[in-house]
Protein backbone atom coordinates (compact mmCIF):
# COMPACT_ATOMS: atom_id res chain seq x y z
CA MET A 1 11.99 13.46 -34.24
CA SER A 2 15.28 11.38 -34.32
CA PRO A 3 15.57 7.81 -33.04
CA THR A 4 17.29 8.90 -29.87
CA ASP A 5 14.60 11.17 -29.02
CA VAL A 6 12.12 8.21 -29.62
CA ALA A 7 14.14 6.21 -26.78
CA ASP A 8 13.41 9.10 -24.57
CA ILE A 9 9.73 8.77 -24.63
CA PRO A 10 8.44 6.87 -21.45
CA GLU A 11 6.39 4.03 -21.95
CA LYS A 12 2.58 4.44 -21.49
CA ARG A 13 1.58 3.11 -18.27
CA GLU A 14 -1.44 0.95 -17.68
CA MET A 15 -4.35 2.81 -16.50
CA ILE A 16 -4.90 1.63 -12.71
CA LYS A 17 -8.25 -0.12 -12.73
CA THR A 18 -8.03 -2.18 -9.51
CA ILE A 19 -6.35 -1.50 -5.99
CA HIS A 20 -5.73 -4.48 -3.67
CA ILE A 21 -5.88 -2.89 0.12
CA LEU A 22 -3.78 -5.82 2.18
CA ASN A 23 -3.69 -5.21 5.78
CA GLY A 24 -1.68 -7.30 8.15
CA PRO A 25 -1.67 -8.53 11.61
CA ASN A 26 -4.05 -7.29 14.24
CA LEU A 27 -5.53 -4.66 11.86
CA ASN A 28 -8.80 -6.58 11.55
CA LEU A 29 -9.35 -4.69 15.22
CA ILE A 30 -9.14 -1.28 13.83
CA GLY A 31 -11.77 0.77 15.51
CA ILE A 32 -11.76 -1.37 18.54
CA ARG A 33 -7.98 -1.72 19.58
CA GLU A 34 -6.34 1.68 21.02
CA PRO A 35 -9.08 3.83 19.35
CA ASP A 36 -6.63 6.72 20.67
CA LEU A 37 -3.93 5.82 18.43
CA TYR A 38 -6.00 4.09 15.73
CA GLY A 39 -9.38 5.64 15.90
CA ASP A 40 -12.46 4.36 16.43
CA VAL A 41 -13.96 3.58 12.79
CA THR A 42 -13.82 0.33 11.80
CA PHE A 43 -11.95 -0.58 8.43
CA GLU A 44 -14.77 -2.02 6.68
CA HIS A 45 -16.89 0.97 7.51
CA PHE A 46 -13.85 3.20 6.30
CA LEU A 47 -13.87 0.83 3.09
CA GLN A 48 -17.24 1.66 2.17
CA GLU A 49 -16.19 5.31 2.20
CA LEU A 50 -13.16 4.57 -0.06
CA ARG A 51 -15.46 3.05 -2.36
CA THR A 52 -17.91 5.93 -2.54
CA ASN A 53 -14.81 8.40 -3.24
CA PHE A 54 -13.26 6.40 -5.95
CA PRO A 55 -16.45 4.88 -7.96
CA ASP A 56 -14.05 4.35 -11.18
CA ILE A 57 -11.69 2.04 -9.18
CA ARG A 58 -12.45 -1.42 -8.25
CA LEU A 59 -11.00 -1.55 -4.37
CA GLU A 60 -10.23 -5.19 -3.08
CA TYR A 61 -9.77 -6.09 0.61
CA PHE A 62 -7.84 -8.51 2.06
CA GLN A 63 -6.68 -8.66 5.73
CA SER A 64 -4.57 -11.86 7.83
CA ASN A 65 -2.94 -12.17 10.71
CA HIS A 66 -0.45 -14.57 9.23
CA GLU A 67 2.68 -13.70 7.24
CA GLY A 68 2.40 -16.44 4.76
CA ALA A 69 -1.21 -15.40 3.87
CA LEU A 70 -0.15 -12.01 2.99
CA ILE A 71 2.63 -13.17 1.00
CA ASP A 72 0.46 -15.68 -1.19
CA GLU A 73 -1.95 -12.90 -1.95
CA LEU A 74 0.80 -10.66 -3.00
CA HIS A 75 1.90 -13.04 -5.05
CA ARG A 76 -1.44 -13.89 -6.61
CA VAL A 77 -2.43 -10.29 -7.28
CA GLY A 78 0.86 -8.73 -7.80
CA PHE A 79 1.46 -9.81 -11.43
CA ASN A 80 -1.78 -7.75 -12.66
CA PRO A 81 -0.80 -4.93 -15.35
CA ASP A 82 -3.64 -2.93 -14.26
CA SER A 83 -3.58 -3.17 -10.61
CA GLY A 84 -2.02 -1.21 -7.77
CA ILE A 85 -1.58 -2.34 -4.12
CA VAL A 86 -1.82 -0.87 -1.00
CA LEU A 87 0.01 -2.48 1.95
CA ASN A 88 0.04 -2.04 5.65
CA GLY A 89 1.90 -4.73 6.85
CA ALA A 90 1.56 -3.68 10.61
CA GLY A 91 4.20 -5.25 12.77
CA LEU A 92 5.58 -7.37 9.85
CA SER A 93 6.79 -4.34 8.31
CA HIS A 94 9.18 -3.58 11.09
CA THR A 95 10.48 -7.74 11.32
CA SER A 96 9.54 -9.48 8.15
CA VAL A 97 12.34 -9.87 5.30
CA SER A 98 9.94 -12.21 3.53
CA LEU A 99 7.10 -9.88 3.44
CA ARG A 100 9.57 -7.35 1.85
CA ASP A 101 10.91 -10.10 -0.45
CA ALA A 102 7.50 -10.61 -1.78
CA VAL A 103 6.79 -7.00 -2.26
CA ALA A 104 10.13 -7.15 -4.20
CA ALA A 105 9.34 -9.76 -6.42
CA ILE A 106 6.48 -8.22 -8.04
CA PRO A 107 5.85 -5.91 -10.76
CA THR A 108 2.66 -4.39 -9.35
CA PRO A 109 3.30 -1.04 -7.74
CA VAL A 110 3.03 -1.25 -3.77
CA VAL A 111 2.32 1.74 -1.76
CA GLU A 112 2.95 1.28 2.07
CA VAL A 113 0.53 2.71 4.58
CA HIS A 114 1.01 2.77 8.33
CA ILE A 115 -2.10 4.26 10.38
CA SER A 116 0.01 5.79 12.96
CA ASP A 117 3.38 7.83 12.60
CA ILE A 118 6.07 4.82 12.97
CA HIS A 119 8.82 7.34 13.51
CA ALA A 120 7.12 8.67 16.83
CA ARG A 121 6.37 5.50 18.03
CA GLU A 122 8.83 2.68 20.02
CA PRO A 123 12.26 2.77 18.32
CA PHE A 124 11.75 -0.67 16.88
CA ARG A 125 9.03 0.64 14.67
CA TRP A 126 11.10 3.05 13.17
CA HIS A 127 12.48 1.21 10.59
CA SER A 128 10.46 -0.63 7.93
CA TYR A 129 11.66 -3.57 5.51
CA LEU A 130 9.12 -2.88 3.23
CA THR A 131 10.05 0.94 2.23
CA ASP A 132 12.73 0.29 -0.15
CA ALA A 133 10.64 -2.46 -2.09
CA CYS A 134 7.46 0.12 -1.84
CA VAL A 135 7.10 2.81 -4.74
CA ALA A 136 5.92 5.34 -1.80
CA GLN A 137 4.87 5.59 1.63
CA PHE A 138 2.18 7.21 3.78
CA THR A 139 2.37 7.07 7.53
CA GLY A 140 0.80 8.90 10.23
CA LEU A 141 -2.23 10.20 8.44
CA GLY A 142 -4.93 7.96 10.07
CA LEU A 143 -7.25 5.99 7.62
CA HIS A 144 -6.77 9.03 5.54
CA GLY A 145 -3.67 7.60 4.77
CA TYR A 146 -5.27 4.85 2.59
CA GLN A 147 -6.87 7.50 0.65
CA ARG A 148 -3.98 9.32 -0.36
CA ALA A 149 -2.35 5.92 -1.52
CA VAL A 150 -4.98 5.54 -3.94
CA GLU A 151 -5.14 8.62 -5.10
CA TRP A 152 -1.24 8.34 -5.48
CA LEU A 153 -1.56 5.23 -7.48
CA ARG A 154 -4.37 6.59 -9.44
CA ASP A 155 -2.93 10.32 -10.27
CA GLU A 156 1.11 9.88 -10.05
CA TRP A 157 1.95 6.28 -10.67
CA GLN A 158 4.26 6.39 -13.82
CA GLY A 159 5.71 3.14 -13.75
CA GLU A 160 9.08 3.66 -11.73
CA GLU A 161 9.86 3.95 -8.19
CA SER A 162 9.28 7.40 -6.14
CA SER A 163 10.80 8.50 -3.15
CA MET A 164 7.97 10.39 -1.95
CA SER A 165 7.04 9.94 1.64
CA GLU A 166 4.30 11.67 3.79
């Protein structure tokens, strides 16, 4: 193997041991608010199922209705080399440059999730400021989108951005 071949070998990625799930405004009402759009299962109940499905990954959960609290949490957890983040910024995804900048400022991979299909809703929801700062996006899969995001971080994250979007 020549020295140039060695340079072509990607660095070994850190194995993701902890995934932080961050939910934005009004997502504390999942299971209660607009069940035809968001379902009738609370996130806390769904989180128990996720933890059962991923016993080898530590799943931490944080929800806030306040933009600054979400940014503070991203700063707190976004520098752990063995972590990943699943972020549903909710309505802030469509309005907050500050939240986008917080995602872009941290090295920890962030996967964007939306329960509903934002592209099939009102036109003001079609653009997410978070998307270009995240490594992947899952939208319109219901709560299952969180599971797909955890699977993606566990199985697919290779230390570089992906254009994958579902």
